[in-house]
């Protein structure tokens, strides 16, 4: 049985291989990485400048880059729509895996 977004994932450990299968396109992964990096930079700026009004940009940066990657390059439906929390965690685990060289950038 092929893995799909319709499958019920009970744990993040079982979800993460599916998550990675939805990020095989290099451009999609790079866009995720860029969006996540911008989130880190924006959060650092917001915290140091106490410009709380800019918090609205966090989801825009994260989801904007990721969804462009999915719709235009990976050509699939983001797992966020079905598994929002596992998908959010997957974004950050994949980000760290890219930083550590476990996943190709």
PDB file of N, CA and C in Angstrom:
ATOM      1  N   UNK A   1       0.841  -1.185   0.000  1.00  0.00           N
ATOM      2  CA  UNK A   1       0.000   0.000   0.000  1.00  0.00           C
ATOM      3  C   UNK A   1       0.883   1.245   0.000  1.00  0.00           C
ATOM      4  N   UNK A   2       0.622   2.137  -0.906  1.00  0.00           N
ATOM      5  CA  UNK A   2       1.423   3.363  -0.944  1.00  0.00           C
ATOM      6  C   UNK A   2       0.952   4.313   0.148  1.00  0.00           C
ATOM      7  N   UNK A   3       1.880   5.090   0.600  1.00  0.00           N
ATOM      8  CA  UNK A   3       1.556   6.052   1.649  1.00  0.00           C
ATOM      9  C   UNK A   3       0.800   7.210   1.033  1.00  0.00           C
ATOM     10  N   UNK A   4      -0.195   7.668   1.755  1.00  0.00           N
ATOM     11  CA  UNK A   4      -0.963   8.805   1.255  1.00  0.00           C
ATOM     12  C   UNK A   4      -1.384   9.687   2.408  1.00  0.00           C
ATOM     13  N   UNK A   5      -1.832  10.858   2.043  1.00  0.00           N
ATOM     14  CA  UNK A   5      -2.290  11.804   3.047  1.00  0.00           C
ATOM     15  C   UNK A   5      -3.576  11.296   3.694  1.00  0.00           C
ATOM     16  N   UNK A   6      -4.275  10.352   3.048  1.00  0.00           N
ATOM     17  CA  UNK A   6      -5.518   9.820   3.585  1.00  0.00           C
ATOM     18  C   UNK A   6      -5.277   8.770   4.665  1.00  0.00           C
ATOM     19  N   UNK A   7      -4.083   8.226   4.738  1.00  0.00           N
ATOM     20  CA  UNK A   7      -3.765   7.243   5.758  1.00  0.00           C
ATOM     21  C   UNK A   7      -3.780   7.909   7.124  1.00  0.00           C
ATOM     22  N   UNK A   8      -4.222   7.190   8.128  1.00  0.00           N
ATOM     23  CA  UNK A   8      -4.252   7.744   9.483  1.00  0.00           C
ATOM     24  C   UNK A   8      -2.928   7.456  10.172  1.00  0.00           C
ATOM     25  N   UNK A   9      -2.193   8.499  10.469  1.00  0.00           N
ATOM     26  CA  UNK A   9      -0.911   8.374  11.159  1.00  0.00           C
ATOM     27  C   UNK A   9      -1.137   8.637  12.641  1.00  0.00           C
ATOM     28  N   UNK A  10      -0.752   7.673  13.448  1.00  0.00           N
ATOM     29  CA  UNK A  10      -0.973   7.756  14.892  1.00  0.00           C
ATOM     30  C   UNK A  10       0.206   8.395  15.624  1.00  0.00           C
ATOM     31  N   UNK A  11       1.395   8.331  15.022  1.00  0.00           N
ATOM     32  CA  UNK A  11       2.587   8.879  15.667  1.00  0.00           C
ATOM     33  C   UNK A  11       3.379   9.695  14.663  1.00  0.00           C
ATOM     34  N   UNK A  12       4.180  10.605  15.186  1.00  0.00           N
ATOM     35  CA  UNK A  12       5.038  11.384  14.304  1.00  0.00           C
ATOM     36  C   UNK A  12       6.063  10.484  13.624  1.00  0.00           C
ATOM     37  N   UNK A  13       6.556   9.471  14.340  1.00  0.00           N
ATOM     38  CA  UNK A  13       7.547   8.545  13.758  1.00  0.00           C
ATOM     39  C   UNK A  13       6.991   7.836  12.528  1.00  0.00           C
ATOM     40  N   UNK A  14       5.720   7.508  12.528  1.00  0.00           N
ATOM     41  CA  UNK A  14       5.136   6.868  11.350  1.00  0.00           C
ATOM     42  C   UNK A  14       4.792   7.890  10.273  1.00  0.00           C
ATOM     43  N   UNK A  15       4.545   9.131  10.667  1.00  0.00           N
ATOM     44  CA  UNK A  15       4.200  10.193   9.722  1.00  0.00           C
ATOM     45  C   UNK A  15       5.414  10.732   8.967  1.00  0.00           C
ATOM     46  N   UNK A  16       6.556  10.843   9.637  1.00  0.00           N
ATOM     47  CA  UNK A  16       7.715  11.523   9.049  1.00  0.00           C
ATOM     48  C   UNK A  16       8.187  10.916   7.721  1.00  0.00           C
ATOM     49  N   UNK A  17       8.235   9.587   7.561  1.00  0.00           N
ATOM     50  CA  UNK A  17       8.598   9.063   6.226  1.00  0.00           C
ATOM     51  C   UNK A  17       7.626   9.523   5.129  1.00  0.00           C
ATOM     52  N   UNK A  18       6.331   9.571   5.470  1.00  0.00           N
ATOM     53  CA  UNK A  18       5.362  10.097   4.512  1.00  0.00           C
ATOM     54  C   UNK A  18       5.664  11.569   4.215  1.00  0.00           C
ATOM     55  N   UNK A  19       5.922  12.331   5.270  1.00  0.00           N
ATOM     56  CA  UNK A  19       6.237  13.755   5.120  1.00  0.00           C
ATOM     57  C   UNK A  19       7.415  13.940   4.156  1.00  0.00           C
ATOM     58  N   UNK A  20       8.465  13.168   4.352  1.00  0.00           N
ATOM     59  CA  UNK A  20       9.633  13.274   3.470  1.00  0.00           C
ATOM     60  C   UNK A  20       9.291  12.896   2.036  1.00  0.00           C
ATOM     61  N   UNK A  21       8.391  11.922   1.866  1.00  0.00           N
ATOM     62  CA  UNK A  21       7.999  11.506   0.509  1.00  0.00           C
ATOM     63  C   UNK A  21       7.267  12.626  -0.226  1.00  0.00           C
ATOM     64  N   UNK A  22       6.731  13.576   0.528  1.00  0.00           N
ATOM     65  CA  UNK A  22       6.025  14.714  -0.062  1.00  0.00           C
ATOM     66  C   UNK A  22       6.954  15.900  -0.315  1.00  0.00           C
ATOM     67  N   UNK A  23       8.255  15.688  -0.070  1.00  0.00           N
ATOM     68  CA  UNK A  23       9.255  16.751  -0.230  1.00  0.00           C
ATOM     69  C   UNK A  23      10.466  16.228  -1.004  1.00  0.00           C
ATOM     70  N   UNK A  24      10.223  15.526  -2.085  1.00  0.00           N
ATOM     71  CA  UNK A  24      11.314  14.960  -2.881  1.00  0.00           C
ATOM     72  C   UNK A  24      11.912  15.967  -3.854  1.00  0.00           C
ATOM     73  N   UNK A  25      11.149  16.979  -4.212  1.00  0.00           N
ATOM     74  CA  UNK A  25      11.621  17.998  -5.146  1.00  0.00           C
ATOM     75  C   UNK A  25      12.579  18.952  -4.437  1.00  0.00           C
ATOM     76  N   UNK A  26      13.776  19.140  -5.017  1.00  0.00           N
ATOM     77  CA  UNK A  26      14.789  20.007  -4.396  1.00  0.00           C
ATOM     78  C   UNK A  26      14.292  21.430  -4.173  1.00  0.00           C
ATOM     79  N   UNK A  27      13.594  21.980  -5.148  1.00  0.00           N
ATOM     80  CA  UNK A  27      13.113  23.352  -5.023  1.00  0.00           C
ATOM     81  C   UNK A  27      12.096  23.465  -3.894  1.00  0.00           C
ATOM     82  N   UNK A  28      11.230  22.491  -3.774  1.00  0.00           N
ATOM     83  CA  UNK A  28      10.245  22.491  -2.688  1.00  0.00           C
ATOM     84  C   UNK A  28      10.953  22.481  -1.335  1.00  0.00           C
ATOM     85  N   UNK A  29      11.933  21.589  -1.175  1.00  0.00           N
ATOM     86  CA  UNK A  29      12.689  21.526   0.092  1.00  0.00           C
ATOM     87  C   UNK A  29      13.417  22.835   0.360  1.00  0.00           C
ATOM     88  N   UNK A  30      13.990  23.412  -0.668  1.00  0.00           N
ATOM     89  CA  UNK A  30      14.716  24.675  -0.502  1.00  0.00           C
ATOM     90  C   UNK A  30      13.774  25.796  -0.079  1.00  0.00           C
ATOM     91  N   UNK A  31      12.593  25.831  -0.670  1.00  0.00           N
ATOM     92  CA  UNK A  31      11.621  26.853  -0.291  1.00  0.00           C
ATOM     93  C   UNK A  31      11.176  26.674   1.160  1.00  0.00           C
ATOM     94  N   UNK A  32      10.997  25.424   1.596  1.00  0.00           N
ATOM     95  CA  UNK A  32      10.700  25.167   3.005  1.00  0.00           C
ATOM     96  C   UNK A  32      11.829  25.695   3.889  1.00  0.00           C
ATOM     97  N   UNK A  33      13.044  25.401   3.502  1.00  0.00           N
ATOM     98  CA  UNK A  33      14.211  25.811   4.287  1.00  0.00           C
ATOM     99  C   UNK A  33      14.311  27.333   4.366  1.00  0.00           C
ATOM    100  N   UNK A  34      14.105  27.994   3.246  1.00  0.00           N
ATOM    101  CA  UNK A  34      14.150  29.458   3.215  1.00  0.00           C
ATOM    102  C   UNK A  34      13.054  30.037   4.107  1.00  0.00           C
ATOM    103  N   UNK A  35      11.838  29.524   3.974  1.00  0.00           N
ATOM    104  CA  UNK A  35      10.740  30.016   4.801  1.00  0.00           C
ATOM    105  C   UNK A  35      11.003  29.817   6.285  1.00  0.00           C
ATOM    106  N   UNK A  36      11.508  28.648   6.654  1.00  0.00           N
ATOM    107  CA  UNK A  36      11.816  28.377   8.063  1.00  0.00           C
ATOM    108  C   UNK A  36      12.941  29.283   8.570  1.00  0.00           C
ATOM    109  N   UNK A  37      13.939  29.500   7.742  1.00  0.00           N
ATOM    110  CA  UNK A  37      15.033  30.406   8.127  1.00  0.00           C
ATOM    111  C   UNK A  37      14.516  31.818   8.335  1.00  0.00           C
ATOM    112  N   UNK A  38      13.639  32.274   7.452  1.00  0.00           N
ATOM    113  CA  UNK A  38      13.063  33.610   7.590  1.00  0.00           C
ATOM    114  C   UNK A  38      12.227  33.725   8.861  1.00  0.00           C
ATOM    115  N   UNK A  39      11.554  32.640   9.231  1.00  0.00           N
ATOM    116  CA  UNK A  39      10.791  32.636  10.491  1.00  0.00           C
ATOM    117  C   UNK A  39      11.745  32.867  11.665  1.00  0.00           C
ATOM    118  N   UNK A  40      12.864  32.165  11.675  1.00  0.00           N
ATOM    119  CA  UNK A  40      13.841  32.319  12.758  1.00  0.00           C
ATOM    120  C   UNK A  40      14.352  33.758  12.816  1.00  0.00           C
ATOM    121  N   UNK A  41      14.730  34.298  11.669  1.00  0.00           N
ATOM    122  CA  UNK A  41      15.234  35.676  11.623  1.00  0.00           C
ATOM    123  C   UNK A  41      14.161  36.681  12.046  1.00  0.00           C
ATOM    124  N   UNK A  42      12.945  36.466  11.576  1.00  0.00           N
ATOM    125  CA  UNK A  42      11.858  37.378  11.921  1.00  0.00           C
ATOM    126  C   UNK A  42      11.537  37.306  13.410  1.00  0.00           C
ATOM    127  N   UNK A  43      11.514  36.102  13.968  1.00  0.00           N
ATOM    128  CA  UNK A  43      11.274  35.978  15.406  1.00  0.00           C
ATOM    129  C   UNK A  43      12.368  36.662  16.217  1.00  0.00           C
ATOM    130  N   UNK A  44      13.607  36.498  15.787  1.00  0.00           N
ATOM    131  CA  UNK A  44      14.719  37.162  16.480  1.00  0.00           C
ATOM    132  C   UNK A  44      14.548  38.678  16.412  1.00  0.00           C
ATOM    133  N   UNK A  45      14.180  39.182  15.251  1.00  0.00           N
ATOM    134  CA  UNK A  45      13.969  40.620  15.094  1.00  0.00           C
ATOM    135  C   UNK A  45      12.817  41.105  15.987  1.00  0.00           C
ATOM    136  N   UNK A  46      11.709  40.367  15.953  1.00  0.00           N
ATOM    137  CA  UNK A  46      10.535  40.753  16.743  1.00  0.00           C
ATOM    138  C   UNK A  46      10.877  40.767  18.228  1.00  0.00           C
ATOM    139  N   UNK A  47      11.581  39.748  18.686  1.00  0.00           N
ATOM    140  CA  UNK A  47      11.923  39.660  20.108  1.00  0.00           C
ATOM    141  C   UNK A  47      12.903  40.751  20.542  1.00  0.00           C
ATOM    142  N   UNK A  48      13.855  41.068  19.674  1.00  0.00           N
ATOM    143  CA  UNK A  48      14.839  42.096  20.056  1.00  0.00           C
ATOM    144  C   UNK A  48      14.305  43.514  19.892  1.00  0.00           C
ATOM    145  N   UNK A  49      13.406  43.695  18.964  1.00  0.00           N
ATOM    146  CA  UNK A  49      12.870  45.041  18.724  1.00  0.00           C
ATOM    147  C   UNK A  49      11.534  45.262  19.431  1.00  0.00           C
ATOM    148  N   UNK A  50      10.962  44.203  19.968  1.00  0.00           N
ATOM    149  CA  UNK A  50       9.615  44.200  20.572  1.00  0.00           C
ATOM    150  C   UNK A  50       8.561  44.794  19.637  1.00  0.00           C
ATOM    151  N   UNK A  51       8.710  44.499  18.367  1.00  0.00           N
ATOM    152  CA  UNK A  51       7.747  44.932  17.358  1.00  0.00           C
ATOM    153  C   UNK A  51       6.720  43.815  17.178  1.00  0.00           C
ATOM    154  N   UNK A  52       5.862  43.656  18.177  1.00  0.00           N
ATOM    155  CA  UNK A  52       4.930  42.516  18.237  1.00  0.00           C
ATOM    156  C   UNK A  52       3.951  42.495  17.070  1.00  0.00           C
ATOM    157  N   UNK A  53       3.681  43.642  16.507  1.00  0.00           N
ATOM    158  CA  UNK A  53       2.738  43.721  15.391  1.00  0.00           C
ATOM    159  C   UNK A  53       3.185  42.851  14.211  1.00  0.00           C
ATOM    160  N   UNK A  54       4.483  42.573  14.124  1.00  0.00           N
ATOM    161  CA  UNK A  54       5.005  41.777  13.001  1.00  0.00           C
ATOM    162  C   UNK A  54       4.806  40.273  13.192  1.00  0.00           C
ATOM    163  N   UNK A  55       4.236  39.853  14.293  1.00  0.00           N
ATOM    164  CA  UNK A  55       3.996  38.420  14.503  1.00  0.00           C
ATOM    165  C   UNK A  55       3.120  37.816  13.410  1.00  0.00           C
ATOM    166  N   UNK A  56       2.268  38.616  12.805  1.00  0.00           N
ATOM    167  CA  UNK A  56       1.402  38.121  11.733  1.00  0.00           C
ATOM    168  C   UNK A  56       2.202  37.615  10.531  1.00  0.00           C
ATOM    169  N   UNK A  57       3.447  38.058  10.397  1.00  0.00           N
ATOM    170  CA  UNK A  57       4.255  37.637   9.244  1.00  0.00           C
ATOM    171  C   UNK A  57       4.769  36.205   9.376  1.00  0.00           C
ATOM    172  N   UNK A  58       4.776  35.662  10.582  1.00  0.00           N
ATOM    173  CA  UNK A  58       5.338  34.322  10.809  1.00  0.00           C
ATOM    174  C   UNK A  58       4.614  33.255   9.976  1.00  0.00           C
ATOM    175  N   UNK A  59       3.282  33.127  10.075  1.00  0.00           N
ATOM    176  CA  UNK A  59       2.625  32.115   9.231  1.00  0.00           C
ATOM    177  C   UNK A  59       2.733  32.422   7.739  1.00  0.00           C
ATOM    178  N   UNK A  60       2.741  33.692   7.395  1.00  0.00           N
ATOM    179  CA  UNK A  60       2.870  34.075   5.984  1.00  0.00           C
ATOM    180  C   UNK A  60       4.204  33.586   5.418  1.00  0.00           C
ATOM    181  N   UNK A  61       5.276  33.791   6.158  1.00  0.00           N
ATOM    182  CA  UNK A  61       6.601  33.351   5.706  1.00  0.00           C
ATOM    183  C   UNK A  61       6.678  31.830   5.633  1.00  0.00           C
ATOM    184  N   UNK A  62       6.244  31.170   6.684  1.00  0.00           N
ATOM    185  CA  UNK A  62       6.347  29.716   6.724  1.00  0.00           C
ATOM    186  C   UNK A  62       5.477  29.034   5.689  1.00  0.00           C
ATOM    187  N   UNK A  63       4.192  29.324   5.720  1.00  0.00           N
ATOM    188  CA  UNK A  63       3.279  28.659   4.793  1.00  0.00           C
ATOM    189  C   UNK A  63       3.417  29.185   3.376  1.00  0.00           C
ATOM    190  N   UNK A  64       3.706  30.458   3.220  1.00  0.00           N
ATOM    191  CA  UNK A  64       3.839  31.025   1.873  1.00  0.00           C
ATOM    192  C   UNK A  64       4.900  30.315   1.053  1.00  0.00           C
ATOM    193  N   UNK A  65       6.097  30.210   1.591  1.00  0.00           N
ATOM    194  CA  UNK A  65       7.184  29.548   0.865  1.00  0.00           C
ATOM    195  C   UNK A  65       6.890  28.055   0.677  1.00  0.00           C
ATOM    196  N   UNK A  66       6.383  27.412   1.730  1.00  0.00           N
ATOM    197  CA  UNK A  66       6.114  25.973   1.657  1.00  0.00           C
ATOM    198  C   UNK A  66       5.043  25.664   0.617  1.00  0.00           C
ATOM    199  N   UNK A  67       3.964  26.409   0.628  1.00  0.00           N
ATOM    200  CA  UNK A  67       2.868  26.117  -0.286  1.00  0.00           C
ATOM    201  C   UNK A  67       3.225  26.424  -1.729  1.00  0.00           C
ATOM    202  N   UNK A  68       4.047  27.423  -1.966  1.00  0.00           N
ATOM    203  CA  UNK A  68       4.547  27.650  -3.329  1.00  0.00           C
ATOM    204  C   UNK A  68       5.327  26.427  -3.779  1.00  0.00           C
ATOM    205  N   UNK A  69       6.159  25.891  -2.887  1.00  0.00           N
ATOM    206  CA  UNK A  69       6.924  24.686  -3.207  1.00  0.00           C
ATOM    207  C   UNK A  69       6.038  23.506  -3.540  1.00  0.00           C
ATOM    208  N   UNK A  70       4.965  23.333  -2.784  1.00  0.00           N
ATOM    209  CA  UNK A  70       4.078  22.194  -3.034  1.00  0.00           C
ATOM    210  C   UNK A  70       3.247  22.374  -4.300  1.00  0.00           C
ATOM    211  N   UNK A  71       2.623  23.521  -4.458  1.00  0.00           N
ATOM    212  CA  UNK A  71       1.701  23.706  -5.575  1.00  0.00           C
ATOM    213  C   UNK A  71       2.401  23.842  -6.918  1.00  0.00           C
ATOM    214  N   UNK A  72       3.591  24.463  -6.952  1.00  0.00           N
ATOM    215  CA  UNK A  72       4.238  24.727  -8.231  1.00  0.00           C
ATOM    216  C   UNK A  72       5.403  23.799  -8.563  1.00  0.00           C
ATOM    217  N   UNK A  73       6.020  23.196  -7.569  1.00  0.00           N
ATOM    218  CA  UNK A  73       7.196  22.362  -7.840  1.00  0.00           C
ATOM    219  C   UNK A  73       6.966  20.898  -7.482  1.00  0.00           C
ATOM    220  N   UNK A  74       6.474  20.635  -6.298  1.00  0.00           N
ATOM    221  CA  UNK A  74       6.215  19.255  -5.882  1.00  0.00           C
ATOM    222  C   UNK A  74       4.917  18.752  -6.514  1.00  0.00           C
ATOM    223  N   UNK A  75       4.003  19.684  -6.765  1.00  0.00           N
ATOM    224  CA  UNK A  75       2.698  19.401  -7.375  1.00  0.00           C
ATOM    225  C   UNK A  75       1.896  18.395  -6.545  1.00  0.00           C
ATOM    226  N   UNK A  76       1.831  18.670  -5.247  1.00  0.00           N
ATOM    227  CA  UNK A  76       1.007  17.855  -4.367  1.00  0.00           C
ATOM    228  C   UNK A  76       0.305  18.750  -3.357  1.00  0.00           C
ATOM    229  N   UNK A  77      -0.548  18.144  -2.578  1.00  0.00           N
ATOM    230  CA  UNK A  77      -1.318  18.865  -1.562  1.00  0.00           C
ATOM    231  C   UNK A  77      -0.539  18.849  -0.255  1.00  0.00           C
ATOM    232  N   UNK A  78      -0.277  20.013   0.343  1.00  0.00           N
ATOM    233  CA  UNK A  78       0.476  20.034   1.595  1.00  0.00           C
ATOM    234  C   UNK A  78      -0.193  19.189   2.680  1.00  0.00           C
ATOM    235  N   UNK A  79       0.611  18.437   3.404  1.00  0.00           N
ATOM    236  CA  UNK A  79       0.105  17.595   4.486  1.00  0.00           C
ATOM    237  C   UNK A  79      -0.475  18.427   5.619  1.00  0.00           C
ATOM    238  N   UNK A  80      -0.171  19.709   5.636  1.00  0.00           N
ATOM    239  CA  UNK A  80      -0.686  20.618   6.664  1.00  0.00           C
ATOM    240  C   UNK A  80      -2.205  20.579   6.740  1.00  0.00           C
ATOM    241  N   UNK A  81      -2.856  20.378   5.604  1.00  0.00           N
ATOM    242  CA  UNK A  81      -4.313  20.397   5.573  1.00  0.00           C
ATOM    243  C   UNK A  81      -4.921  19.220   6.339  1.00  0.00           C
ATOM    244  N   UNK A  82      -4.205  18.103   6.397  1.00  0.00           N
ATOM    245  CA  UNK A  82      -4.709  16.915   7.080  1.00  0.00           C
ATOM    246  C   UNK A  82      -4.041  16.689   8.426  1.00  0.00           C
ATOM    247  N   UNK A  83      -2.763  16.972   8.505  1.00  0.00           N
ATOM    248  CA  UNK A  83      -1.975  16.754   9.719  1.00  0.00           C
ATOM    249  C   UNK A  83      -1.231  18.032  10.107  1.00  0.00           C
ATOM    250  N   UNK A  84      -1.948  19.047  10.600  1.00  0.00           N
ATOM    251  CA  UNK A  84      -1.280  20.332  10.854  1.00  0.00           C
ATOM    252  C   UNK A  84      -0.135  20.262  11.865  1.00  0.00           C
ATOM    253  N   UNK A  85      -0.306  19.544  12.958  1.00  0.00           N
ATOM    254  CA  UNK A  85       0.744  19.512  13.992  1.00  0.00           C
ATOM    255  C   UNK A  85       1.916  18.649  13.587  1.00  0.00           C
ATOM    256  N   UNK A  86       1.640  17.468  13.034  1.00  0.00           N
ATOM    257  CA  UNK A  86       2.732  16.612  12.559  1.00  0.00           C
ATOM    258  C   UNK A  86       3.485  17.299  11.426  1.00  0.00           C
ATOM    259  N   UNK A  87       2.768  18.007  10.573  1.00  0.00           N
ATOM    260  CA  UNK A  87       3.399  18.700   9.459  1.00  0.00           C
ATOM    261  C   UNK A  87       4.299  19.836   9.958  1.00  0.00           C
ATOM    262  N   UNK A  88       3.819  20.584  10.943  1.00  0.00           N
ATOM    263  CA  UNK A  88       4.635  21.653  11.522  1.00  0.00           C
ATOM    264  C   UNK A  88       5.903  21.074  12.149  1.00  0.00           C
ATOM    265  N   UNK A  89       5.753  19.997  12.893  1.00  0.00           N
ATOM    266  CA  UNK A  89       6.920  19.338  13.488  1.00  0.00           C
ATOM    267  C   UNK A  89       7.839  18.808  12.391  1.00  0.00           C
ATOM    268  N   UNK A  90       7.239  18.229  11.335  1.00  0.00           N
ATOM    269  CA  UNK A  90       8.018  17.723  10.208  1.00  0.00           C
ATOM    270  C   UNK A  90       8.841  18.808   9.542  1.00  0.00           C
ATOM    271  N   UNK A  91       8.285  20.014   9.434  1.00  0.00           N
ATOM    272  CA  UNK A  91       9.025  21.140   8.848  1.00  0.00           C
ATOM    273  C   UNK A  91      10.322  21.368   9.608  1.00  0.00           C
ATOM    274  N   UNK A  92      10.226  21.358  10.940  1.00  0.00           N
ATOM    275  CA  UNK A  92      11.403  21.679  11.750  1.00  0.00           C
ATOM    276  C   UNK A  92      12.378  20.508  11.843  1.00  0.00           C
ATOM    277  N   UNK A  93      11.870  19.283  11.834  1.00  0.00           N
ATOM    278  CA  UNK A  93      12.775  18.128  11.822  1.00  0.00           C
ATOM    279  C   UNK A  93      13.512  18.084  10.488  1.00  0.00           C
ATOM    280  N   UNK A  94      12.796  18.334   9.379  1.00  0.00           N
ATOM    281  CA  UNK A  94      13.443  18.363   8.072  1.00  0.00           C
ATOM    282  C   UNK A  94      14.458  19.507   8.010  1.00  0.00           C
ATOM    283  N   UNK A  95      14.131  20.644   8.587  1.00  0.00           N
ATOM    284  CA  UNK A  95      15.046  21.791   8.620  1.00  0.00           C
ATOM    285  C   UNK A  95      16.362  21.398   9.302  1.00  0.00           C
ATOM    286  N   UNK A  96      16.250  20.767  10.452  1.00  0.00           N
ATOM    287  CA  UNK A  96      17.450  20.321  11.182  1.00  0.00           C
ATOM    288  C   UNK A  96      18.194  19.252  10.388  1.00  0.00           C
ATOM    289  N   UNK A  97      17.452  18.325   9.783  1.00  0.00           N
ATOM    290  CA  UNK A  97      18.096  17.288   8.965  1.00  0.00           C
ATOM    291  C   UNK A  97      18.849  17.890   7.783  1.00  0.00           C
ATOM    292  N   UNK A  98      18.322  18.955   7.205  1.00  0.00           N
ATOM    293  CA  UNK A  98      19.031  19.648   6.113  1.00  0.00           C
ATOM    294  C   UNK A  98      20.289  20.312   6.661  1.00  0.00           C
ATOM    295  N   UNK A  99      20.161  20.992   7.802  1.00  0.00           N
ATOM    296  CA  UNK A  99      21.336  21.629   8.418  1.00  0.00           C
ATOM    297  C   UNK A  99      22.426  20.627   8.732  1.00  0.00           C
ATOM    298  N   UNK A 100      22.024  19.436   9.176  1.00  0.00           N
ATOM    299  CA  UNK A 100      22.997  18.392   9.548  1.00  0.00           C
ATOM    300  C   UNK A 100      23.503  17.597   8.343  1.00  0.00           C
ATOM    301  N   UNK A 101      22.970  17.886   7.161  1.00  0.00           N
ATOM    302  CA  UNK A 101      23.405  17.187   5.958  1.00  0.00           C
ATOM    303  C   UNK A 101      22.780  15.824   5.770  1.00  0.00           C
ATOM    304  N   UNK A 102      21.768  15.496   6.550  1.00  0.00           N
ATOM    305  CA  UNK A 102      21.070  14.205   6.403  1.00  0.00           C
ATOM    306  C   UNK A 102      20.142  14.202   5.190  1.00  0.00           C
ATOM    307  N   UNK A 103      19.692  15.391   4.814  1.00  0.00           N
ATOM    308  CA  UNK A 103      18.817  15.563   3.657  1.00  0.00           C
ATOM    309  C   UNK A 103      19.475  16.588   2.751  1.00  0.00           C
ATOM    310  N   UNK A 104      19.461  16.279   1.454  1.00  0.00           N
ATOM    311  CA  UNK A 104      20.081  17.174   0.463  1.00  0.00           C
ATOM    312  C   UNK A 104      19.342  18.499   0.394  1.00  0.00           C
ATOM    313  N   UNK A 105      20.116  19.586   0.357  1.00  0.00           N
ATOM    314  CA  UNK A 105      19.551  20.920   0.213  1.00  0.00           C
ATOM    315  C   UNK A 105      19.338  21.190  -1.234  1.00  0.00           C
TER     316      UNK A 105
END
